[in-house]
């Protein structure tokens, strides 16, 4: 990508999209194209056709998606499947039609089988059953990966896809009913400390293990791959280390300064037992994360306090 290249970031107001925008702007890119969801409904095929005809982007970062945590994924199953299929199908196809030079599609580590061997290699895709609570979202993301792969094969496109691990950082969603585990815990412990609550309830047993990546590290990885990688193999992006939800809750409680008791609601689902990505491929391609988890959570929490 040249500094003057026209680059479309779909989903630029979200956590991932906004991080990609920050990275591109810091790197000196000035010809960036955005549309809010109000200005452009990405599930509307004709609207996306009209947008591509008008703007003719040279490069596309596809970060737009309908996202949420366990409860949202399990409650809005049809919406998560339909809307994500529409968004990615519309953008990927129009990128082909309008001869976009390169597209990067943001998938998700939830695409892997629930009981995949650990750490999870890129080759484990479609080798087992998915986690039931987020199956529709995972199926939509798998479809996006396969769209990139098959458009490369049939039409000679240069469309790549990446699988980020669990993310956190600026512009995260802190709505308890729709957020992911780390921001949900940050909000719970912050409010508990503010209100002098004796206990904080956390879903599940605390036993599942998760890997967390700061979204600015993800943005750097996406930028690096957009500049250097060509291939149909989807690339894992993560830290290569994980911790249990119990350890995460205790770490966040310490950072926030909450002194009360953590109560585990074991009637609620745990989700996938473990989800650690094998990041040997992206390491071999010249990228490694720079923000460690405790440092990253402290940075994010400072922003919450200042709001």
C-alpha atoms as a PDB file:
ATOM      1  CA  UNK A   1       0.000   0.000   0.000  1.00  0.00           C
ATOM      2  CA  UNK A   2       1.257   3.443  -0.936  1.00  0.00           C
ATOM      3  CA  UNK A   3       0.689   6.397   1.397  1.00  0.00           C
ATOM      4  CA  UNK A   4      -1.799   7.882  -1.085  1.00  0.00           C
ATOM      5  CA  UNK A   5      -3.626   4.581  -1.744  1.00  0.00           C
ATOM      6  CA  UNK A   6      -7.385   4.746  -1.214  1.00  0.00           C
ATOM      7  CA  UNK A   7      -8.153   2.430   1.712  1.00  0.00           C
ATOM      8  CA  UNK A   8     -11.631   1.507   2.918  1.00  0.00           C
ATOM      9  CA  UNK A   9     -11.972   0.439   6.555  1.00  0.00           C
ATOM     10  CA  UNK A  10     -15.353  -1.247   7.024  1.00  0.00           C
ATOM     11  CA  UNK A  11     -16.402  -0.981  10.658  1.00  0.00           C
ATOM     12  CA  UNK A  12     -14.155   1.979  11.448  1.00  0.00           C
ATOM     13  CA  UNK A  13     -16.072   2.998  14.592  1.00  0.00           C
ATOM     14  CA  UNK A  14     -15.700  -0.413  16.272  1.00  0.00           C
ATOM     15  CA  UNK A  15     -12.847  -1.521  18.476  1.00  0.00           C
ATOM     16  CA  UNK A  16     -10.923  -3.300  15.689  1.00  0.00           C
ATOM     17  CA  UNK A  17     -11.721  -0.873  12.888  1.00  0.00           C
ATOM     18  CA  UNK A  18     -10.787   2.187  14.943  1.00  0.00           C
ATOM     19  CA  UNK A  19      -7.481   0.557  15.926  1.00  0.00           C
ATOM     20  CA  UNK A  20      -6.699  -0.073  12.248  1.00  0.00           C
ATOM     21  CA  UNK A  21      -7.516   3.567  11.473  1.00  0.00           C
ATOM     22  CA  UNK A  22      -5.167   4.732  14.242  1.00  0.00           C
ATOM     23  CA  UNK A  23      -2.392   2.497  12.907  1.00  0.00           C
ATOM     24  CA  UNK A  24      -2.805   3.683   9.309  1.00  0.00           C
ATOM     25  CA  UNK A  25      -2.928   7.340  10.294  1.00  0.00           C
ATOM     26  CA  UNK A  26       0.165   6.934  12.475  1.00  0.00           C
ATOM     27  CA  UNK A  27       1.933   5.327   9.504  1.00  0.00           C
ATOM     28  CA  UNK A  28       1.137   8.350   7.304  1.00  0.00           C
ATOM     29  CA  UNK A  29      -1.859   7.130   5.274  1.00  0.00           C
ATOM     30  CA  UNK A  30      -4.238   9.962   4.470  1.00  0.00           C
ATOM     31  CA  UNK A  31      -6.637   8.652   1.814  1.00  0.00           C
ATOM     32  CA  UNK A  32      -8.890   6.653   4.139  1.00  0.00           C
ATOM     33  CA  UNK A  33     -12.558   5.994   3.381  1.00  0.00           C
ATOM     34  CA  UNK A  34     -15.195   5.511   6.086  1.00  0.00           C
ATOM     35  CA  UNK A  35     -18.959   5.194   6.371  1.00  0.00           C
ATOM     36  CA  UNK A  36     -20.980   4.934   9.560  1.00  0.00           C
ATOM     37  CA  UNK A  37     -23.637   2.238   9.750  1.00  0.00           C
ATOM     38  CA  UNK A  38     -26.283   4.966   9.449  1.00  0.00           C
ATOM     39  CA  UNK A  39     -24.722   6.260   6.237  1.00  0.00           C
ATOM     40  CA  UNK A  40     -24.141   2.807   4.723  1.00  0.00           C
ATOM     41  CA  UNK A  41     -26.059  -0.351   5.633  1.00  0.00           C
ATOM     42  CA  UNK A  42     -23.575  -3.092   4.801  1.00  0.00           C
ATOM     43  CA  UNK A  43     -26.318  -5.730   4.823  1.00  0.00           C
ATOM     44  CA  UNK A  44     -27.957  -3.905   1.894  1.00  0.00           C
ATOM     45  CA  UNK A  45     -26.477  -5.275  -1.322  1.00  0.00           C
ATOM     46  CA  UNK A  46     -27.451  -2.335  -3.526  1.00  0.00           C
ATOM     47  CA  UNK A  47     -26.106   0.184  -1.035  1.00  0.00           C
ATOM     48  CA  UNK A  48     -22.734  -1.597  -1.005  1.00  0.00           C
ATOM     49  CA  UNK A  49     -22.701  -1.766  -4.822  1.00  0.00           C
ATOM     50  CA  UNK A  50     -23.357   1.987  -5.006  1.00  0.00           C
ATOM     51  CA  UNK A  51     -20.637   2.700  -2.432  1.00  0.00           C
ATOM     52  CA  UNK A  52     -17.973   0.729  -4.333  1.00  0.00           C
ATOM     53  CA  UNK A  53     -18.966   2.348  -7.635  1.00  0.00           C
ATOM     54  CA  UNK A  54     -18.585   5.783  -6.057  1.00  0.00           C
ATOM     55  CA  UNK A  55     -15.411   5.324  -4.016  1.00  0.00           C
ATOM     56  CA  UNK A  56     -13.434   2.660  -5.952  1.00  0.00           C
ATOM     57  CA  UNK A  57     -11.168   1.709  -3.001  1.00  0.00           C
ATOM     58  CA  UNK A  58      -7.836   0.060  -3.773  1.00  0.00           C
ATOM     59  CA  UNK A  59      -7.507  -1.759  -0.445  1.00  0.00           C
ATOM     60  CA  UNK A  60     -10.117  -2.983   2.042  1.00  0.00           C
ATOM     61  CA  UNK A  61      -9.946  -3.902   5.726  1.00  0.00           C
ATOM     62  CA  UNK A  62     -13.152  -5.796   6.507  1.00  0.00           C
ATOM     63  CA  UNK A  63     -13.613  -5.295  10.268  1.00  0.00           C
ATOM     64  CA  UNK A  64     -17.381  -4.695  10.210  1.00  0.00           C
ATOM     65  CA  UNK A  65     -19.435  -7.381  11.946  1.00  0.00           C
ATOM     66  CA  UNK A  66     -22.250  -8.003  14.375  1.00  0.00           C
ATOM     67  CA  UNK A  67     -20.436  -9.123  17.531  1.00  0.00           C
ATOM     68  CA  UNK A  68     -21.088  -9.938  21.182  1.00  0.00           C
ATOM     69  CA  UNK A  69     -20.362 -12.253  24.093  1.00  0.00           C
ATOM     70  CA  UNK A  70     -21.850 -15.644  25.017  1.00  0.00           C
ATOM     71  CA  UNK A  71     -25.315 -14.329  25.898  1.00  0.00           C
ATOM     72  CA  UNK A  72     -25.655 -12.146  22.801  1.00  0.00           C
ATOM     73  CA  UNK A  73     -24.379 -14.906  20.506  1.00  0.00           C
ATOM     74  CA  UNK A  74     -26.788 -17.416  22.001  1.00  0.00           C
ATOM     75  CA  UNK A  75     -29.808 -15.081  22.076  1.00  0.00           C
ATOM     76  CA  UNK A  76     -29.591 -13.440  18.644  1.00  0.00           C
ATOM     77  CA  UNK A  77     -28.518 -16.533  16.722  1.00  0.00           C
ATOM     78  CA  UNK A  78     -30.383 -15.784  13.496  1.00  0.00           C
ATOM     79  CA  UNK A  79     -29.249 -12.125  13.447  1.00  0.00           C
ATOM     80  CA  UNK A  80     -25.614 -13.063  14.050  1.00  0.00           C
ATOM     81  CA  UNK A  81     -25.697 -15.546  11.170  1.00  0.00           C
ATOM     82  CA  UNK A  82     -27.717 -13.518   8.670  1.00  0.00           C
ATOM     83  CA  UNK A  83     -26.178 -10.080   9.214  1.00  0.00           C
ATOM     84  CA  UNK A  84     -22.587 -11.303   9.188  1.00  0.00           C
ATOM     85  CA  UNK A  85     -23.181 -13.360   6.048  1.00  0.00           C
ATOM     86  CA  UNK A  86     -24.692 -10.318   4.340  1.00  0.00           C
ATOM     87  CA  UNK A  87     -21.911  -7.923   5.367  1.00  0.00           C
ATOM     88  CA  UNK A  88     -19.008 -10.116   4.289  1.00  0.00           C
ATOM     89  CA  UNK A  89     -20.667 -11.394   1.112  1.00  0.00           C
ATOM     90  CA  UNK A  90     -21.504  -7.889  -0.071  1.00  0.00           C
ATOM     91  CA  UNK A  91     -18.066  -6.411   0.622  1.00  0.00           C
ATOM     92  CA  UNK A  92     -15.971  -9.351  -0.595  1.00  0.00           C
ATOM     93  CA  UNK A  93     -17.940  -9.697  -3.829  1.00  0.00           C
ATOM     94  CA  UNK A  94     -17.842  -5.982  -4.617  1.00  0.00           C
ATOM     95  CA  UNK A  95     -14.104  -5.959  -3.870  1.00  0.00           C
ATOM     96  CA  UNK A  96     -13.769  -8.577  -6.614  1.00  0.00           C
ATOM     97  CA  UNK A  97     -16.109  -6.739  -9.002  1.00  0.00           C
ATOM     98  CA  UNK A  98     -14.265  -3.433  -8.556  1.00  0.00           C
ATOM     99  CA  UNK A  99     -10.781  -4.979  -8.709  1.00  0.00           C
ATOM    100  CA  UNK A 100      -9.645  -4.164  -5.186  1.00  0.00           C
ATOM    101  CA  UNK A 101      -5.899  -4.874  -5.029  1.00  0.00           C
ATOM    102  CA  UNK A 102      -6.016  -6.529  -1.623  1.00  0.00           C
ATOM    103  CA  UNK A 103      -8.595  -7.249   1.080  1.00  0.00           C
ATOM    104  CA  UNK A 104      -8.084  -8.369   4.670  1.00  0.00           C
ATOM    105  CA  UNK A 105     -11.012 -10.129   6.355  1.00  0.00           C
ATOM    106  CA  UNK A 106     -11.235 -10.251  10.145  1.00  0.00           C
ATOM    107  CA  UNK A 107     -12.525 -13.653  11.204  1.00  0.00           C
ATOM    108  CA  UNK A 108     -12.422 -14.966  14.786  1.00  0.00           C
ATOM    109  CA  UNK A 109     -10.824 -17.750  16.792  1.00  0.00           C
ATOM    110  CA  UNK A 110     -14.328 -19.059  17.610  1.00  0.00           C
ATOM    111  CA  UNK A 111     -14.329 -20.669  14.150  1.00  0.00           C
ATOM    112  CA  UNK A 112     -12.287 -23.553  15.515  1.00  0.00           C
ATOM    113  CA  UNK A 113     -13.774 -26.780  16.934  1.00  0.00           C
ATOM    114  CA  UNK A 114     -14.830 -26.611  20.583  1.00  0.00           C
ATOM    115  CA  UNK A 115     -12.485 -29.449  21.529  1.00  0.00           C
ATOM    116  CA  UNK A 116      -9.617 -28.649  19.161  1.00  0.00           C
ATOM    117  CA  UNK A 117      -6.134 -29.771  20.251  1.00  0.00           C
ATOM    118  CA  UNK A 118      -4.175 -26.998  21.955  1.00  0.00           C
ATOM    119  CA  UNK A 119      -2.581 -24.759  20.831  1.00  0.00           C
ATOM    120  CA  UNK A 120      -4.877 -24.408  17.831  1.00  0.00           C
ATOM    121  CA  UNK A 121      -3.218 -24.525  14.426  1.00  0.00           C
ATOM    122  CA  UNK A 122      -4.743 -22.898  11.337  1.00  0.00           C
ATOM    123  CA  UNK A 123      -5.153 -26.389   9.850  1.00  0.00           C
ATOM    124  CA  UNK A 124      -7.668 -27.398  12.550  1.00  0.00           C
ATOM    125  CA  UNK A 125     -10.455 -25.432  10.852  1.00  0.00           C
ATOM    126  CA  UNK A 126     -13.491 -27.656  10.060  1.00  0.00           C
ATOM    127  CA  UNK A 127     -12.071 -30.704  11.859  1.00  0.00           C
ATOM    128  CA  UNK A 128     -14.729 -30.934  14.606  1.00  0.00           C
ATOM    129  CA  UNK A 129     -17.952 -29.579  16.117  1.00  0.00           C
ATOM    130  CA  UNK A 130     -18.217 -25.895  17.013  1.00  0.00           C
ATOM    131  CA  UNK A 131     -19.069 -24.439  20.413  1.00  0.00           C
ATOM    132  CA  UNK A 132     -22.932 -24.458  20.391  1.00  0.00           C
ATOM    133  CA  UNK A 133     -23.414 -21.019  21.992  1.00  0.00           C
ATOM    134  CA  UNK A 134     -21.669 -19.145  19.163  1.00  0.00           C
ATOM    135  CA  UNK A 135     -22.120 -21.597  16.297  1.00  0.00           C
ATOM    136  CA  UNK A 136     -24.092 -19.198  14.012  1.00  0.00           C
ATOM    137  CA  UNK A 137     -21.454 -16.455  14.343  1.00  0.00           C
ATOM    138  CA  UNK A 138     -18.661 -18.991  13.763  1.00  0.00           C
ATOM    139  CA  UNK A 139     -20.380 -20.387  10.665  1.00  0.00           C
ATOM    140  CA  UNK A 140     -20.703 -16.875   9.231  1.00  0.00           C
ATOM    141  CA  UNK A 141     -17.014 -16.202   9.836  1.00  0.00           C
ATOM    142  CA  UNK A 142     -16.015 -19.542   8.300  1.00  0.00           C
ATOM    143  CA  UNK A 143     -18.058 -18.579   5.241  1.00  0.00           C
ATOM    144  CA  UNK A 144     -16.095 -15.316   5.007  1.00  0.00           C
ATOM    145  CA  UNK A 145     -12.790 -17.188   5.150  1.00  0.00           C
ATOM    146  CA  UNK A 146     -13.972 -19.546   2.415  1.00  0.00           C
ATOM    147  CA  UNK A 147     -15.160 -16.624   0.294  1.00  0.00           C
ATOM    148  CA  UNK A 148     -11.648 -15.152   0.425  1.00  0.00           C
ATOM    149  CA  UNK A 149     -10.085 -18.535  -0.341  1.00  0.00           C
ATOM    150  CA  UNK A 150     -12.369 -19.378  -3.259  1.00  0.00           C
ATOM    151  CA  UNK A 151     -12.271 -15.897  -4.801  1.00  0.00           C
ATOM    152  CA  UNK A 152      -8.483 -16.226  -4.783  1.00  0.00           C
ATOM    153  CA  UNK A 153      -8.718 -19.628  -6.454  1.00  0.00           C
ATOM    154  CA  UNK A 154     -11.392 -18.849  -9.036  1.00  0.00           C
ATOM    155  CA  UNK A 155     -10.781 -15.181  -9.807  1.00  0.00           C
ATOM    156  CA  UNK A 156      -7.127 -14.629  -8.887  1.00  0.00           C
ATOM    157  CA  UNK A 157      -7.946 -12.159  -6.102  1.00  0.00           C
ATOM    158  CA  UNK A 158      -5.568 -11.235  -3.299  1.00  0.00           C
ATOM    159  CA  UNK A 159      -7.919 -11.614  -0.327  1.00  0.00           C
ATOM    160  CA  UNK A 160      -6.459 -12.714   3.016  1.00  0.00           C
ATOM    161  CA  UNK A 161      -8.126 -13.558   6.316  1.00  0.00           C
ATOM    162  CA  UNK A 162      -6.952 -13.517   9.918  1.00  0.00           C
ATOM    163  CA  UNK A 163      -8.156 -15.154  13.130  1.00  0.00           C
ATOM    164  CA  UNK A 164      -7.609 -12.883  16.123  1.00  0.00           C
ATOM    165  CA  UNK A 165      -7.816 -14.291  19.619  1.00  0.00           C
ATOM    166  CA  UNK A 166      -9.950 -12.560  22.297  1.00  0.00           C
ATOM    167  CA  UNK A 167      -9.441  -8.811  22.043  1.00  0.00           C
ATOM    168  CA  UNK A 168      -9.581  -5.857  24.418  1.00  0.00           C
ATOM    169  CA  UNK A 169      -8.658  -2.192  24.258  1.00  0.00           C
ATOM    170  CA  UNK A 170      -9.990   1.278  23.374  1.00  0.00           C
ATOM    171  CA  UNK A 171     -13.589   1.461  22.077  1.00  0.00           C
ATOM    172  CA  UNK A 172     -14.508  -1.896  23.585  1.00  0.00           C
ATOM    173  CA  UNK A 173     -18.139  -2.688  24.465  1.00  0.00           C
ATOM    174  CA  UNK A 174     -18.896  -2.536  28.201  1.00  0.00           C
ATOM    175  CA  UNK A 175     -22.605  -3.379  28.020  1.00  0.00           C
ATOM    176  CA  UNK A 176     -22.940  -6.370  30.352  1.00  0.00           C
ATOM    177  CA  UNK A 177     -25.533  -8.192  28.227  1.00  0.00           C
ATOM    178  CA  UNK A 178     -23.543  -7.959  24.992  1.00  0.00           C
ATOM    179  CA  UNK A 179     -19.877  -7.614  25.922  1.00  0.00           C
ATOM    180  CA  UNK A 180     -17.031 -10.119  25.977  1.00  0.00           C
ATOM    181  CA  UNK A 181     -15.566 -11.464  29.188  1.00  0.00           C
ATOM    182  CA  UNK A 182     -12.689  -9.032  29.822  1.00  0.00           C
ATOM    183  CA  UNK A 183     -14.619  -5.745  29.423  1.00  0.00           C
ATOM    184  CA  UNK A 184     -17.583  -7.266  31.281  1.00  0.00           C
ATOM    185  CA  UNK A 185     -15.348  -8.124  34.232  1.00  0.00           C
ATOM    186  CA  UNK A 186     -13.736  -4.687  34.186  1.00  0.00           C
ATOM    187  CA  UNK A 187     -17.136  -3.037  34.394  1.00  0.00           C
ATOM    188  CA  UNK A 188     -18.414  -5.419  37.091  1.00  0.00           C
ATOM    189  CA  UNK A 189     -15.413  -4.936  39.363  1.00  0.00           C
ATOM    190  CA  UNK A 190     -15.280  -1.180  38.763  1.00  0.00           C
ATOM    191  CA  UNK A 191     -18.942  -0.761  39.690  1.00  0.00           C
ATOM    192  CA  UNK A 192     -18.585  -3.106  42.666  1.00  0.00           C
ATOM    193  CA  UNK A 193     -15.694  -1.048  44.013  1.00  0.00           C
ATOM    194  CA  UNK A 194     -17.566   2.215  43.414  1.00  0.00           C
ATOM    195  CA  UNK A 195     -20.674   0.880  45.200  1.00  0.00           C
ATOM    196  CA  UNK A 196     -18.786  -0.968  47.966  1.00  0.00           C
ATOM    197  CA  UNK A 197     -20.446  -4.244  46.945  1.00  0.00           C
ATOM    198  CA  UNK A 198     -19.543  -7.246  49.091  1.00  0.00           C
ATOM    199  CA  UNK A 199     -19.568  -9.691  46.172  1.00  0.00           C
ATOM    200  CA  UNK A 200     -19.182  -9.841  42.400  1.00  0.00           C
ATOM    201  CA  UNK A 201     -20.896 -12.634  40.464  1.00  0.00           C
ATOM    202  CA  UNK A 202     -18.994 -14.129  37.534  1.00  0.00           C
ATOM    203  CA  UNK A 203     -20.469 -16.657  35.111  1.00  0.00           C
ATOM    204  CA  UNK A 204     -19.263 -20.254  34.972  1.00  0.00           C
ATOM    205  CA  UNK A 205     -16.684 -22.130  36.988  1.00  0.00           C
ATOM    206  CA  UNK A 206     -13.657 -19.967  36.211  1.00  0.00           C
ATOM    207  CA  UNK A 207     -11.838 -23.009  34.821  1.00  0.00           C
ATOM    208  CA  UNK A 208     -11.842 -22.242  31.059  1.00  0.00           C
ATOM    209  CA  UNK A 209      -8.632 -20.711  29.756  1.00  0.00           C
ATOM    210  CA  UNK A 210      -8.485 -17.784  27.363  1.00  0.00           C
ATOM    211  CA  UNK A 211      -5.865 -15.816  25.460  1.00  0.00           C
ATOM    212  CA  UNK A 212      -6.149 -12.014  25.210  1.00  0.00           C
ATOM    213  CA  UNK A 213      -4.596  -9.592  22.722  1.00  0.00           C
ATOM    214  CA  UNK A 214      -4.571  -5.801  22.851  1.00  0.00           C
ATOM    215  CA  UNK A 215      -6.407  -4.447  19.816  1.00  0.00           C
ATOM    216  CA  UNK A 216      -3.525  -2.125  18.898  1.00  0.00           C
ATOM    217  CA  UNK A 217      -1.296  -5.191  18.570  1.00  0.00           C
ATOM    218  CA  UNK A 218      -3.936  -6.706  16.275  1.00  0.00           C
ATOM    219  CA  UNK A 219      -3.957  -3.547  14.152  1.00  0.00           C
ATOM    220  CA  UNK A 220      -0.176  -3.726  13.812  1.00  0.00           C
ATOM    221  CA  UNK A 221      -0.433  -7.383  12.777  1.00  0.00           C
ATOM    222  CA  UNK A 222      -3.097  -6.616  10.167  1.00  0.00           C
ATOM    223  CA  UNK A 223      -1.019  -3.774   8.750  1.00  0.00           C
ATOM    224  CA  UNK A 224       2.042  -6.039   8.623  1.00  0.00           C
ATOM    225  CA  UNK A 225       0.139  -8.809   6.808  1.00  0.00           C
ATOM    226  CA  UNK A 226      -1.467  -6.373   4.382  1.00  0.00           C
ATOM    227  CA  UNK A 227       2.023  -5.228   3.410  1.00  0.00           C
ATOM    228  CA  UNK A 228       3.771  -8.594   3.302  1.00  0.00           C
ATOM    229  CA  UNK A 229       1.481 -11.651   3.157  1.00  0.00           C
ATOM    230  CA  UNK A 230      -0.125 -13.277   0.151  1.00  0.00           C
ATOM    231  CA  UNK A 231      -1.880 -16.607   0.514  1.00  0.00           C
ATOM    232  CA  UNK A 232      -5.169 -18.350   1.190  1.00  0.00           C
ATOM    233  CA  UNK A 233      -4.146 -19.819   4.552  1.00  0.00           C
ATOM    234  CA  UNK A 234      -5.885 -17.828   7.283  1.00  0.00           C
ATOM    235  CA  UNK A 235      -3.416 -16.527   9.842  1.00  0.00           C
ATOM    236  CA  UNK A 236      -3.835 -16.804  13.623  1.00  0.00           C
ATOM    237  CA  UNK A 237      -3.101 -13.612  15.551  1.00  0.00           C
ATOM    238  CA  UNK A 238      -2.517 -13.889  19.290  1.00  0.00           C
ATOM    239  CA  UNK A 239       0.044 -13.885  22.070  1.00  0.00           C
ATOM    240  CA  UNK A 240       0.616 -17.622  22.382  1.00  0.00           C
ATOM    241  CA  UNK A 241      -0.134 -17.538  26.150  1.00  0.00           C
ATOM    242  CA  UNK A 242      -3.372 -17.864  28.118  1.00  0.00           C
ATOM    243  CA  UNK A 243      -4.810 -17.852  31.638  1.00  0.00           C
ATOM    244  CA  UNK A 244      -7.950 -19.147  33.337  1.00  0.00           C
ATOM    245  CA  UNK A 245     -11.053 -16.984  33.719  1.00  0.00           C
ATOM    246  CA  UNK A 246     -10.525 -17.279  37.492  1.00  0.00           C
ATOM    247  CA  UNK A 247      -6.996 -15.890  37.120  1.00  0.00           C
ATOM    248  CA  UNK A 248      -8.307 -13.130  34.849  1.00  0.00           C
ATOM    249  CA  UNK A 249     -11.021 -12.153  37.346  1.00  0.00           C
ATOM    250  CA  UNK A 250      -8.497 -12.041  40.185  1.00  0.00           C
ATOM    251  CA  UNK A 251      -6.083  -9.959  38.075  1.00  0.00           C
ATOM    252  CA  UNK A 252      -8.797  -7.457  37.169  1.00  0.00           C
ATOM    253  CA  UNK A 253      -9.987  -7.262  40.791  1.00  0.00           C
ATOM    254  CA  UNK A 254      -6.417  -6.430  41.837  1.00  0.00           C
ATOM    255  CA  UNK A 255      -5.974  -3.784  39.113  1.00  0.00           C
ATOM    256  CA  UNK A 256      -9.316  -2.163  39.987  1.00  0.00           C
ATOM    257  CA  UNK A 257      -8.643  -2.392  43.713  1.00  0.00           C
ATOM    258  CA  UNK A 258     -11.732  -4.437  44.557  1.00  0.00           C
ATOM    259  CA  UNK A 259     -11.422  -6.227  47.933  1.00  0.00           C
ATOM    260  CA  UNK A 260     -14.709  -8.159  48.058  1.00  0.00           C
ATOM    261  CA  UNK A 261     -15.575 -11.774  47.245  1.00  0.00           C
ATOM    262  CA  UNK A 262     -15.862 -13.309  43.777  1.00  0.00           C
ATOM    263  CA  UNK A 263     -18.905 -15.625  43.517  1.00  0.00           C
ATOM    264  CA  UNK A 264     -18.995 -18.131  40.646  1.00  0.00           C
ATOM    265  CA  UNK A 265     -22.421 -18.824  39.111  1.00  0.00           C
ATOM    266  CA  UNK A 266     -21.935 -22.380  37.902  1.00  0.00           C
ATOM    267  CA  UNK A 267     -25.464 -22.494  36.442  1.00  0.00           C
ATOM    268  CA  UNK A 268     -24.155 -20.308  33.608  1.00  0.00           C
ATOM    269  CA  UNK A 269     -22.199 -21.757  30.649  1.00  0.00           C
ATOM    270  CA  UNK A 270     -18.407 -21.889  30.523  1.00  0.00           C
ATOM    271  CA  UNK A 271     -18.161 -22.011  26.749  1.00  0.00           C
ATOM    272  CA  UNK A 272     -15.137 -23.608  25.098  1.00  0.00           C
ATOM    273  CA  UNK A 273     -12.786 -25.178  27.713  1.00  0.00           C
ATOM    274  CA  UNK A 274      -9.648 -23.695  26.183  1.00  0.00           C
ATOM    275  CA  UNK A 275      -8.854 -21.588  23.132  1.00  0.00           C
ATOM    276  CA  UNK A 276      -5.139 -20.937  22.735  1.00  0.00           C
ATOM    277  CA  UNK A 277      -3.905 -20.125  19.255  1.00  0.00           C
ATOM    278  CA  UNK A 278      -0.747 -21.486  17.699  1.00  0.00           C
ATOM    279  CA  UNK A 279       0.972 -18.296  16.518  1.00  0.00           C
ATOM    280  CA  UNK A 280       4.050 -19.882  14.973  1.00  0.00           C
ATOM    281  CA  UNK A 281       2.946 -18.907  11.440  1.00  0.00           C
ATOM    282  CA  UNK A 282       2.615 -15.181  12.123  1.00  0.00           C
ATOM    283  CA  UNK A 283       5.845 -15.234  14.144  1.00  0.00           C
ATOM    284  CA  UNK A 284       7.561 -16.737  11.096  1.00  0.00           C
ATOM    285  CA  UNK A 285       6.085 -13.892   9.021  1.00  0.00           C
ATOM    286  CA  UNK A 286       7.838 -11.329  11.210  1.00  0.00           C
ATOM    287  CA  UNK A 287       5.227 -10.147  13.750  1.00  0.00           C
ATOM    288  CA  UNK A 288       4.942 -10.553  17.539  1.00  0.00           C
ATOM    289  CA  UNK A 289       2.737  -8.819  20.099  1.00  0.00           C
ATOM    290  CA  UNK A 290       4.278  -6.094  22.295  1.00  0.00           C
ATOM    291  CA  UNK A 291       1.617  -5.394  24.959  1.00  0.00           C
ATOM    292  CA  UNK A 292       1.489  -7.822  27.893  1.00  0.00           C
ATOM    293  CA  UNK A 293      -1.899  -8.464  29.501  1.00  0.00           C
ATOM    294  CA  UNK A 294      -1.489  -6.795  32.901  1.00  0.00           C
ATOM    295  CA  UNK A 295       0.026  -3.675  31.316  1.00  0.00           C
ATOM    296  CA  UNK A 296      -2.771  -3.569  28.721  1.00  0.00           C
ATOM    297  CA  UNK A 297      -5.590  -3.928  31.269  1.00  0.00           C
ATOM    298  CA  UNK A 298      -4.100  -1.167  33.430  1.00  0.00           C
ATOM    299  CA  UNK A 299      -3.969   1.128  30.391  1.00  0.00           C
ATOM    300  CA  UNK A 300      -7.583   0.355  29.453  1.00  0.00           C
ATOM    301  CA  UNK A 301      -8.784   0.826  33.038  1.00  0.00           C
ATOM    302  CA  UNK A 302      -7.173   4.274  33.240  1.00  0.00           C
ATOM    303  CA  UNK A 303      -9.283   5.297  30.232  1.00  0.00           C
ATOM    304  CA  UNK A 304     -12.454   4.014  31.947  1.00  0.00           C
ATOM    305  CA  UNK A 305     -11.707   5.998  35.109  1.00  0.00           C
ATOM    306  CA  UNK A 306     -11.030   9.172  33.121  1.00  0.00           C
ATOM    307  CA  UNK A 307     -14.376   8.990  31.249  1.00  0.00           C
END
